[in-house]
Amino acid sequence: MLNKFLKINKGFTLLEVIIAIFIISVGVGGVAAMMPSLISGSSLNQSRLTAAYLAQEGIEIVRSIRDTNWLEDHYGGTPVDWNDGLDPCASDCEVDYTFIAESLPLLPAYGSGRYLNIDSNGLYGYDGSVRTKFKRKITVEENSDILTITVNVYWDDRGKSYEFPVQEKLYKWY
């Protein structure tokens, strides 16, 4: 008799199948509902990472100008102040590595700032052919032998405005 009872209950009942389908559909539906926010968050994180690199590049360019002034003063034969060429940034400026050797890479900011572009080599600058969504503003404040460099990178994404600020102090070390 026991053997006969086990043979009869081998399959699933309709109720068990419906419950299983419901549980699977709730799980798949939950994952599907989270996908747009995950994709949006991924895009925002990518933009923040790019903004962080652009802000650090702005600080490195100002640091490079300070270091070049030191080299010019000590090995170029021409006396140069350690902060020479950073005057345009007292109110705001734009900065670009793709500059002509005789000119400074710092340019006074134009209005609300221009968009950075990507050139044919994949570098960010103001002369590239592919416009990006990023703007960069640099401010240099001098206090005795300390320069406070503030770099702000701005961008708009999906109707919201974002800003990535970075600040660093450079010292007159010679």
N, C-alpha and C. Protein backbone atom coordinates (compact mmCIF):
# COMPACT_ATOMS: atom_id res chain seq x y z
N MET A 1 0.82 -1.19 0.00
CA MET A 1 0.00 0.00 0.00
C MET A 1 0.86 1.25 0.00
N LEU A 2 1.94 1.25 0.79
CA LEU A 2 2.84 2.41 0.85
C LEU A 2 3.48 2.67 -0.50
N ASN A 3 3.85 1.64 -1.18
CA ASN A 3 4.45 1.77 -2.50
C ASN A 3 3.47 2.38 -3.49
N LYS A 4 2.20 2.02 -3.42
CA LYS A 4 1.18 2.54 -4.29
C LYS A 4 0.96 4.04 -4.04
N PHE A 5 1.05 4.47 -2.80
CA PHE A 5 0.85 5.88 -2.44
C PHE A 5 1.98 6.75 -3.00
N LEU A 6 3.22 6.28 -2.96
CA LEU A 6 4.36 7.03 -3.48
C LEU A 6 4.27 7.21 -4.99
N LYS A 7 3.77 6.23 -5.70
CA LYS A 7 3.65 6.33 -7.15
C LYS A 7 2.60 7.36 -7.56
N ILE A 8 1.60 7.53 -6.79
CA ILE A 8 0.52 8.44 -7.14
C ILE A 8 0.99 9.90 -7.01
N ASN A 9 1.84 10.27 -6.05
CA ASN A 9 2.25 11.65 -5.79
C ASN A 9 3.61 12.00 -6.41
N LYS A 10 3.88 11.57 -7.61
CA LYS A 10 5.16 11.86 -8.24
C LYS A 10 5.20 13.24 -8.90
N GLY A 11 4.18 13.81 -9.39
CA GLY A 11 4.18 15.07 -10.13
C GLY A 11 3.89 16.28 -9.25
N PHE A 12 3.95 17.48 -9.90
CA PHE A 12 3.63 18.74 -9.22
C PHE A 12 2.16 19.03 -9.36
N THR A 13 1.62 19.66 -8.36
CA THR A 13 0.22 20.09 -8.46
C THR A 13 0.19 21.44 -9.16
N LEU A 14 -0.95 21.81 -9.64
CA LEU A 14 -1.13 23.09 -10.32
C LEU A 14 -0.80 24.25 -9.39
N LEU A 15 -1.15 24.14 -8.15
CA LEU A 15 -0.87 25.19 -7.16
C LEU A 15 0.63 25.37 -6.97
N GLU A 16 1.39 24.29 -6.91
CA GLU A 16 2.84 24.40 -6.77
C GLU A 16 3.47 25.08 -7.98
N VAL A 17 3.01 24.77 -9.15
CA VAL A 17 3.52 25.39 -10.38
C VAL A 17 3.22 26.88 -10.39
N ILE A 18 2.06 27.28 -10.02
CA ILE A 18 1.67 28.71 -9.99
C ILE A 18 2.53 29.46 -8.97
N ILE A 19 2.74 28.89 -7.81
CA ILE A 19 3.58 29.55 -6.79
C ILE A 19 5.02 29.69 -7.28
N ALA A 20 5.55 28.67 -7.92
CA ALA A 20 6.92 28.73 -8.45
C ALA A 20 7.05 29.81 -9.52
N ILE A 21 6.08 29.88 -10.43
CA ILE A 21 6.11 30.91 -11.47
C ILE A 21 6.01 32.30 -10.86
N PHE A 22 5.19 32.47 -9.84
CA PHE A 22 5.05 33.76 -9.17
C PHE A 22 6.38 34.19 -8.52
N ILE A 23 7.02 33.28 -7.82
CA ILE A 23 8.29 33.60 -7.16
C ILE A 23 9.36 33.97 -8.19
N ILE A 24 9.46 33.22 -9.27
CA ILE A 24 10.45 33.52 -10.31
C ILE A 24 10.15 34.86 -10.97
N SER A 25 8.87 35.14 -11.27
CA SER A 25 8.53 36.41 -11.93
C SER A 25 8.78 37.61 -11.02
N VAL A 26 8.55 37.47 -9.72
CA VAL A 26 8.84 38.57 -8.78
C VAL A 26 10.35 38.82 -8.74
N GLY A 27 11.16 37.78 -8.72
CA GLY A 27 12.61 37.94 -8.71
C GLY A 27 13.13 38.59 -9.98
N VAL A 28 12.68 38.11 -11.14
CA VAL A 28 13.10 38.68 -12.42
C VAL A 28 12.59 40.10 -12.55
N GLY A 29 11.37 40.36 -12.13
CA GLY A 29 10.82 41.72 -12.19
C GLY A 29 11.59 42.69 -11.33
N GLY A 30 12.02 42.26 -10.16
CA GLY A 30 12.81 43.12 -9.28
C GLY A 30 14.16 43.47 -9.89
N VAL A 31 14.80 42.50 -10.48
CA VAL A 31 16.09 42.76 -11.14
C VAL A 31 15.88 43.69 -12.33
N ALA A 32 14.84 43.47 -13.11
CA ALA A 32 14.56 44.32 -14.27
C ALA A 32 14.25 45.76 -13.84
N ALA A 33 13.58 45.91 -12.71
CA ALA A 33 13.25 47.25 -12.23
C ALA A 33 14.49 48.01 -11.76
N MET A 34 15.50 47.31 -11.29
CA MET A 34 16.72 47.96 -10.82
C MET A 34 17.67 48.32 -11.95
N MET A 35 17.54 47.74 -13.11
CA MET A 35 18.49 47.96 -14.20
C MET A 35 18.62 49.43 -14.62
N PRO A 36 17.54 50.19 -14.82
CA PRO A 36 17.72 51.59 -15.22
C PRO A 36 18.52 52.40 -14.20
N SER A 37 18.27 52.18 -12.91
CA SER A 37 19.02 52.94 -11.91
C SER A 37 20.48 52.49 -11.87
N LEU A 38 20.75 51.24 -12.10
CA LEU A 38 22.14 50.77 -12.15
C LEU A 38 22.87 51.36 -13.35
N ILE A 39 22.22 51.42 -14.49
CA ILE A 39 22.84 51.99 -15.68
C ILE A 39 23.07 53.48 -15.49
N SER A 40 22.09 54.18 -14.92
CA SER A 40 22.23 55.61 -14.65
C SER A 40 23.37 55.87 -13.67
N GLY A 41 23.44 55.09 -12.62
CA GLY A 41 24.51 55.24 -11.64
C GLY A 41 25.87 54.96 -12.23
N SER A 42 25.95 54.01 -13.12
CA SER A 42 27.21 53.69 -13.79
C SER A 42 27.67 54.85 -14.66
N SER A 43 26.74 55.48 -15.37
CA SER A 43 27.07 56.63 -16.21
C SER A 43 27.56 57.80 -15.36
N LEU A 44 26.90 58.03 -14.23
CA LEU A 44 27.31 59.12 -13.34
C LEU A 44 28.68 58.86 -12.73
N ASN A 45 28.95 57.62 -12.35
CA ASN A 45 30.26 57.29 -11.80
C ASN A 45 31.37 57.46 -12.84
N GLN A 46 31.08 57.13 -14.08
CA GLN A 46 32.05 57.32 -15.15
C GLN A 46 32.33 58.82 -15.34
N SER A 47 31.30 59.64 -15.29
CA SER A 47 31.48 61.09 -15.42
C SER A 47 32.27 61.65 -14.25
N ARG A 48 31.99 61.17 -13.04
CA ARG A 48 32.74 61.63 -11.87
C ARG A 48 34.22 61.26 -11.96
N LEU A 49 34.50 60.07 -12.46
CA LEU A 49 35.89 59.65 -12.61
C LEU A 49 36.61 60.53 -13.63
N THR A 50 35.96 60.81 -14.75
CA THR A 50 36.55 61.70 -15.76
C THR A 50 36.76 63.09 -15.18
N ALA A 51 35.80 63.60 -14.42
CA ALA A 51 35.92 64.92 -13.80
C ALA A 51 37.08 64.94 -12.81
N ALA A 52 37.27 63.87 -12.07
CA ALA A 52 38.39 63.81 -11.12
C ALA A 52 39.72 63.87 -11.86
N TYR A 53 39.84 63.17 -12.97
CA TYR A 53 41.07 63.21 -13.75
C TYR A 53 41.30 64.60 -14.35
N LEU A 54 40.24 65.23 -14.83
CA LEU A 54 40.38 66.57 -15.41
C LEU A 54 40.76 67.60 -14.34
N ALA A 55 40.21 67.46 -13.15
CA ALA A 55 40.56 68.37 -12.06
C ALA A 55 42.01 68.17 -11.65
N GLN A 56 42.45 66.93 -11.52
CA GLN A 56 43.85 66.66 -11.17
C GLN A 56 44.79 67.17 -12.25
N GLU A 57 44.40 67.06 -13.51
CA GLU A 57 45.22 67.58 -14.60
C GLU A 57 45.38 69.09 -14.47
N GLY A 58 44.32 69.79 -14.09
CA GLY A 58 44.41 71.24 -13.91
C GLY A 58 45.42 71.60 -12.83
N ILE A 59 45.40 70.87 -11.72
CA ILE A 59 46.37 71.13 -10.65
C ILE A 59 47.79 70.82 -11.12
N GLU A 60 47.95 69.74 -11.86
CA GLU A 60 49.28 69.36 -12.35
C GLU A 60 49.84 70.38 -13.33
N ILE A 61 49.00 71.01 -14.11
CA ILE A 61 49.48 72.04 -15.03
C ILE A 61 49.98 73.25 -14.26
N VAL A 62 49.24 73.66 -13.24
CA VAL A 62 49.69 74.79 -12.41
C VAL A 62 51.00 74.43 -11.70
N ARG A 63 51.09 73.21 -11.21
CA ARG A 63 52.33 72.74 -10.56
C ARG A 63 53.49 72.76 -11.57
N SER A 64 53.21 72.37 -12.79
CA SER A 64 54.23 72.36 -13.83
C SER A 64 54.73 73.78 -14.13
N ILE A 65 53.83 74.75 -14.11
CA ILE A 65 54.24 76.14 -14.34
C ILE A 65 55.15 76.60 -13.21
N ARG A 66 54.78 76.28 -11.97
CA ARG A 66 55.64 76.64 -10.84
C ARG A 66 57.02 76.00 -10.97
N ASP A 67 57.06 74.72 -11.31
CA ASP A 67 58.34 74.03 -11.44
C ASP A 67 59.16 74.56 -12.60
N THR A 68 58.51 74.91 -13.70
CA THR A 68 59.21 75.49 -14.86
C THR A 68 59.80 76.85 -14.48
N ASN A 69 59.08 77.61 -13.69
CA ASN A 69 59.62 78.89 -13.22
C ASN A 69 60.89 78.67 -12.41
N TRP A 70 60.91 77.66 -11.57
CA TRP A 70 62.10 77.36 -10.78
C TRP A 70 63.27 76.98 -11.68
N LEU A 71 63.00 76.14 -12.67
CA LEU A 71 64.07 75.75 -13.59
C LEU A 71 64.58 76.94 -14.38
N GLU A 72 63.69 77.79 -14.82
CA GLU A 72 64.08 78.99 -15.58
C GLU A 72 64.92 79.92 -14.71
N ASP A 73 64.53 80.06 -13.46
CA ASP A 73 65.24 80.95 -12.54
C ASP A 73 66.63 80.42 -12.22
N HIS A 74 66.75 79.12 -12.05
CA HIS A 74 68.03 78.55 -11.63
C HIS A 74 68.93 78.11 -12.78
N TYR A 75 68.35 77.71 -13.90
CA TYR A 75 69.18 77.19 -14.99
C TYR A 75 68.99 77.92 -16.31
N GLY A 76 68.01 78.80 -16.38
CA GLY A 76 67.76 79.50 -17.63
C GLY A 76 68.47 80.83 -17.74
N GLY A 77 68.99 81.32 -16.62
CA GLY A 77 69.68 82.59 -16.66
C GLY A 77 68.78 83.79 -16.53
N THR A 78 67.49 83.62 -16.67
CA THR A 78 66.54 84.71 -16.56
C THR A 78 65.87 84.65 -15.20
N PRO A 79 65.98 85.72 -14.40
CA PRO A 79 65.30 85.68 -13.11
C PRO A 79 63.77 85.71 -13.30
N VAL A 80 63.12 84.75 -12.70
CA VAL A 80 61.67 84.60 -12.83
C VAL A 80 61.10 84.36 -11.43
N ASP A 81 59.97 85.00 -11.13
CA ASP A 81 59.29 84.73 -9.87
C ASP A 81 58.71 83.32 -9.89
N TRP A 82 58.59 82.74 -8.74
CA TRP A 82 58.09 81.37 -8.63
C TRP A 82 56.65 81.23 -9.09
N ASN A 83 55.89 82.33 -9.04
CA ASN A 83 54.47 82.30 -9.43
C ASN A 83 54.22 83.04 -10.74
N ASP A 84 55.28 83.27 -11.51
CA ASP A 84 55.16 83.99 -12.77
C ASP A 84 54.21 83.24 -13.73
N GLY A 85 53.30 83.98 -14.34
CA GLY A 85 52.37 83.39 -15.31
C GLY A 85 51.07 82.90 -14.72
N LEU A 86 50.94 82.97 -13.42
CA LEU A 86 49.70 82.50 -12.79
C LEU A 86 48.72 83.62 -12.51
N ASP A 87 49.09 84.85 -12.90
CA ASP A 87 48.21 86.00 -12.66
C ASP A 87 46.83 85.88 -13.31
N PRO A 88 46.72 85.33 -14.53
CA PRO A 88 45.38 85.27 -15.13
C PRO A 88 44.39 84.47 -14.31
N CYS A 89 44.88 83.62 -13.43
CA CYS A 89 43.98 82.73 -12.68
C CYS A 89 43.49 83.33 -11.38
N ALA A 90 43.82 84.57 -11.10
CA ALA A 90 43.35 85.18 -9.86
C ALA A 90 41.82 85.28 -9.86
N SER A 91 41.23 85.51 -11.02
CA SER A 91 39.78 85.62 -11.08
C SER A 91 39.13 84.35 -11.62
N ASP A 92 39.73 83.63 -12.45
CA ASP A 92 39.33 82.34 -13.03
C ASP A 92 40.07 82.18 -14.35
N CYS A 93 40.44 80.97 -14.66
CA CYS A 93 41.07 80.74 -15.96
C CYS A 93 40.77 79.34 -16.44
N GLU A 94 41.09 79.13 -17.69
CA GLU A 94 41.01 77.82 -18.32
C GLU A 94 42.44 77.34 -18.51
N VAL A 95 42.63 76.06 -18.53
CA VAL A 95 43.98 75.53 -18.66
C VAL A 95 43.97 74.37 -19.65
N ASP A 96 45.08 74.26 -20.38
CA ASP A 96 45.15 73.28 -21.44
C ASP A 96 46.61 72.87 -21.63
N TYR A 97 46.87 71.59 -21.74
CA TYR A 97 48.24 71.12 -21.99
C TYR A 97 48.65 71.31 -23.45
N THR A 98 47.69 71.42 -24.33
CA THR A 98 48.02 71.52 -25.74
C THR A 98 48.24 72.98 -26.12
N PHE A 99 49.33 73.56 -25.64
CA PHE A 99 49.62 74.95 -25.91
C PHE A 99 50.91 75.08 -26.71
N ILE A 100 51.09 76.24 -27.32
CA ILE A 100 52.33 76.53 -28.05
C ILE A 100 53.41 76.83 -27.03
N ALA A 101 54.61 76.38 -27.27
CA ALA A 101 55.69 76.47 -26.29
C ALA A 101 55.97 77.91 -25.85
N GLU A 102 55.78 78.89 -26.72
CA GLU A 102 56.08 80.27 -26.36
C GLU A 102 54.98 80.91 -25.52
N SER A 103 53.82 80.31 -25.46
CA SER A 103 52.71 80.92 -24.72
C SER A 103 52.41 80.12 -23.47
N LEU A 104 51.68 80.72 -22.58
CA LEU A 104 51.30 80.03 -21.35
C LEU A 104 50.06 79.18 -21.60
N PRO A 105 49.94 78.08 -20.88
CA PRO A 105 48.74 77.24 -21.05
C PRO A 105 47.53 77.80 -20.34
N LEU A 106 47.70 78.86 -19.56
CA LEU A 106 46.59 79.42 -18.80
C LEU A 106 45.95 80.55 -19.58
N LEU A 107 44.67 80.47 -19.74
CA LEU A 107 43.92 81.49 -20.46
C LEU A 107 42.85 82.04 -19.54
N PRO A 108 42.62 83.36 -19.57
CA PRO A 108 41.50 83.87 -18.77
C PRO A 108 40.21 83.18 -19.21
N ALA A 109 39.36 82.90 -18.26
CA ALA A 109 38.10 82.21 -18.57
C ALA A 109 37.21 83.11 -19.40
N TYR A 110 36.54 82.51 -20.36
CA TYR A 110 35.64 83.24 -21.24
C TYR A 110 34.21 83.04 -20.76
N GLY A 111 33.65 84.06 -20.14
CA GLY A 111 32.26 83.97 -19.69
C GLY A 111 32.08 82.84 -18.69
N SER A 112 31.17 81.96 -18.99
CA SER A 112 30.90 80.85 -18.08
C SER A 112 31.82 79.66 -18.35
N GLY A 113 32.75 79.81 -19.25
CA GLY A 113 33.68 78.73 -19.56
C GLY A 113 33.29 77.99 -20.82
N ARG A 114 34.32 77.52 -21.49
CA ARG A 114 34.09 76.76 -22.71
C ARG A 114 34.10 75.27 -22.39
N TYR A 115 33.48 74.52 -23.27
CA TYR A 115 33.50 73.07 -23.11
C TYR A 115 34.85 72.52 -23.53
N LEU A 116 35.31 71.52 -22.81
CA LEU A 116 36.50 70.81 -23.22
C LEU A 116 36.16 69.92 -24.40
N ASN A 117 37.11 69.76 -25.28
CA ASN A 117 36.93 68.93 -26.46
C ASN A 117 37.97 67.81 -26.45
N ILE A 118 37.75 66.80 -27.25
CA ILE A 118 38.72 65.72 -27.41
C ILE A 118 39.31 65.85 -28.81
N ASP A 119 40.66 65.88 -28.87
CA ASP A 119 41.31 66.02 -30.17
C ASP A 119 41.52 64.64 -30.81
N SER A 120 42.19 64.63 -31.95
CA SER A 120 42.38 63.38 -32.70
C SER A 120 43.26 62.38 -31.96
N ASN A 121 44.05 62.84 -30.98
CA ASN A 121 44.89 61.94 -30.19
C ASN A 121 44.18 61.43 -28.94
N GLY A 122 42.94 61.85 -28.72
CA GLY A 122 42.20 61.42 -27.55
C GLY A 122 42.48 62.26 -26.31
N LEU A 123 43.10 63.43 -26.48
CA LEU A 123 43.43 64.30 -25.36
C LEU A 123 42.36 65.38 -25.19
N TYR A 124 42.12 65.76 -23.95
CA TYR A 124 41.16 66.83 -23.66
C TYR A 124 41.84 68.18 -23.82
N GLY A 125 41.14 69.10 -24.44
CA GLY A 125 41.64 70.46 -24.63
C GLY A 125 40.53 71.32 -25.19
N TYR A 126 40.87 72.55 -25.56
CA TYR A 126 39.85 73.47 -26.08
C TYR A 126 39.82 73.52 -27.60
N ASP A 127 40.78 72.85 -28.26
CA ASP A 127 40.85 72.91 -29.71
C ASP A 127 40.43 71.62 -30.40
N GLY A 128 39.97 70.64 -29.69
CA GLY A 128 39.61 69.36 -30.28
C GLY A 128 38.35 69.43 -31.13
N SER A 129 38.08 68.36 -31.81
CA SER A 129 36.93 68.33 -32.72
C SER A 129 35.68 67.72 -32.10
N VAL A 130 35.82 66.93 -31.04
CA VAL A 130 34.67 66.29 -30.41
C VAL A 130 34.38 67.00 -29.08
N ARG A 131 33.23 67.64 -29.01
CA ARG A 131 32.88 68.38 -27.80
C ARG A 131 32.42 67.42 -26.70
N THR A 132 32.88 67.68 -25.48
CA THR A 132 32.46 66.88 -24.34
C THR A 132 31.45 67.68 -23.52
N LYS A 133 30.99 67.11 -22.43
CA LYS A 133 30.04 67.80 -21.56
C LYS A 133 30.73 68.50 -20.41
N PHE A 134 32.05 68.51 -20.38
CA PHE A 134 32.81 69.03 -19.24
C PHE A 134 33.33 70.43 -19.48
N LYS A 135 33.29 71.24 -18.41
CA LYS A 135 33.91 72.56 -18.36
C LYS A 135 34.84 72.56 -17.16
N ARG A 136 35.98 73.27 -17.28
CA ARG A 136 36.93 73.31 -16.18
C ARG A 136 37.30 74.76 -15.88
N LYS A 137 37.28 75.11 -14.60
CA LYS A 137 37.63 76.46 -14.16
C LYS A 137 38.69 76.34 -13.07
N ILE A 138 39.73 77.16 -13.19
CA ILE A 138 40.82 77.14 -12.21
C ILE A 138 40.94 78.52 -11.60
N THR A 139 41.08 78.54 -10.28
CA THR A 139 41.29 79.78 -9.55
C THR A 139 42.56 79.61 -8.71
N VAL A 140 43.43 80.62 -8.76
CA VAL A 140 44.67 80.60 -7.98
C VAL A 140 44.65 81.80 -7.05
N GLU A 141 44.72 81.54 -5.76
CA GLU A 141 44.79 82.60 -4.76
C GLU A 141 46.18 82.56 -4.14
N GLU A 142 46.83 83.73 -4.08
CA GLU A 142 48.17 83.80 -3.51
C GLU A 142 48.12 84.44 -2.13
N ASN A 143 48.79 83.81 -1.19
CA ASN A 143 48.90 84.34 0.16
C ASN A 143 50.34 84.12 0.60
N SER A 144 51.15 85.16 0.48
CA SER A 144 52.56 85.08 0.84
C SER A 144 53.26 84.06 -0.04
N ASP A 145 53.75 82.98 0.54
CA ASP A 145 54.47 81.96 -0.22
C ASP A 145 53.63 80.71 -0.44
N ILE A 146 52.31 80.88 -0.45
CA ILE A 146 51.40 79.75 -0.65
C ILE A 146 50.41 80.09 -1.75
N LEU A 147 50.25 79.17 -2.69
CA LEU A 147 49.23 79.29 -3.72
C LEU A 147 48.13 78.28 -3.40
N THR A 148 46.91 78.75 -3.34
CA THR A 148 45.77 77.85 -3.17
C THR A 148 45.11 77.70 -4.52
N ILE A 149 45.22 76.50 -5.08
CA ILE A 149 44.65 76.21 -6.40
C ILE A 149 43.32 75.51 -6.21
N THR A 150 42.28 76.06 -6.80
CA THR A 150 40.95 75.45 -6.78
C THR A 150 40.56 75.13 -8.21
N VAL A 151 40.25 73.89 -8.46
CA VAL A 151 39.81 73.46 -9.79
C VAL A 151 38.40 72.93 -9.65
N ASN A 152 37.50 73.45 -10.47
CA ASN A 152 36.12 72.98 -10.52
C ASN A 152 35.84 72.44 -11.92
N VAL A 153 35.32 71.25 -11.98
CA VAL A 153 34.90 70.66 -13.24
C VAL A 153 33.38 70.56 -13.18
N TYR A 154 32.73 71.09 -14.21
CA TYR A 154 31.26 71.13 -14.27
C TYR A 154 30.78 70.29 -15.43
N TRP A 155 29.60 69.69 -15.28
CA TRP A 155 28.95 68.99 -16.38
C TRP A 155 27.47 68.83 -16.07
N ASP A 156 26.70 68.64 -17.12
CA ASP A 156 25.27 68.37 -17.02
C ASP A 156 25.02 66.96 -17.50
N ASP A 157 24.15 66.25 -16.79
CA ASP A 157 23.82 64.89 -17.18
C ASP A 157 22.36 64.62 -16.85
N ARG A 158 21.57 64.31 -17.86
CA ARG A 158 20.14 64.00 -17.70
C ARG A 158 19.37 65.09 -16.97
N GLY A 159 19.66 66.33 -17.33
CA GLY A 159 18.93 67.45 -16.76
C GLY A 159 19.41 67.93 -15.41
N LYS A 160 20.45 67.32 -14.86
CA LYS A 160 21.00 67.75 -13.57
C LYS A 160 22.41 68.27 -13.77
N SER A 161 22.76 69.30 -13.00
CA SER A 161 24.11 69.87 -13.05
C SER A 161 24.95 69.29 -11.94
N TYR A 162 26.20 68.99 -12.27
CA TYR A 162 27.13 68.43 -11.31
C TYR A 162 28.40 69.26 -11.28
N GLU A 163 29.09 69.19 -10.16
CA GLU A 163 30.35 69.90 -9.98
C GLU A 163 31.31 69.01 -9.21
N PHE A 164 32.56 68.98 -9.64
CA PHE A 164 33.59 68.22 -8.93
C PHE A 164 34.70 69.20 -8.55
N PRO A 165 34.75 69.65 -7.29
CA PRO A 165 35.78 70.60 -6.87
C PRO A 165 36.99 69.89 -6.26
N VAL A 166 38.17 70.44 -6.54
CA VAL A 166 39.42 69.95 -5.95
C VAL A 166 40.23 71.16 -5.55
N GLN A 167 40.86 71.09 -4.38
CA GLN A 167 41.68 72.20 -3.92
C GLN A 167 43.01 71.65 -3.41
N GLU A 168 44.09 72.38 -3.73
CA GLU A 168 45.41 71.99 -3.27
C GLU A 168 46.25 73.23 -3.03
N LYS A 169 47.20 73.11 -2.14
CA LYS A 169 48.11 74.21 -1.84
C LYS A 169 49.49 73.90 -2.41
N LEU A 170 50.07 74.89 -3.08
CA LEU A 170 51.45 74.79 -3.57
C LEU A 170 52.28 75.81 -2.83
N TYR A 171 53.49 75.44 -2.49
CA TYR A 171 54.34 76.29 -1.68
C TYR A 171 55.56 76.75 -2.47
N LYS A 172 56.07 77.88 -2.10
CA LYS A 172 57.33 78.36 -2.67
C LYS A 172 58.43 77.58 -1.94
N TRP A 173 58.94 76.57 -2.59
CA TRP A 173 59.87 75.67 -1.93
C TRP A 173 61.33 75.96 -2.27
N TYR A 174 61.59 77.10 -2.86
CA TYR A 174 63.00 77.44 -3.10
C TYR A 174 63.26 78.87 -2.73
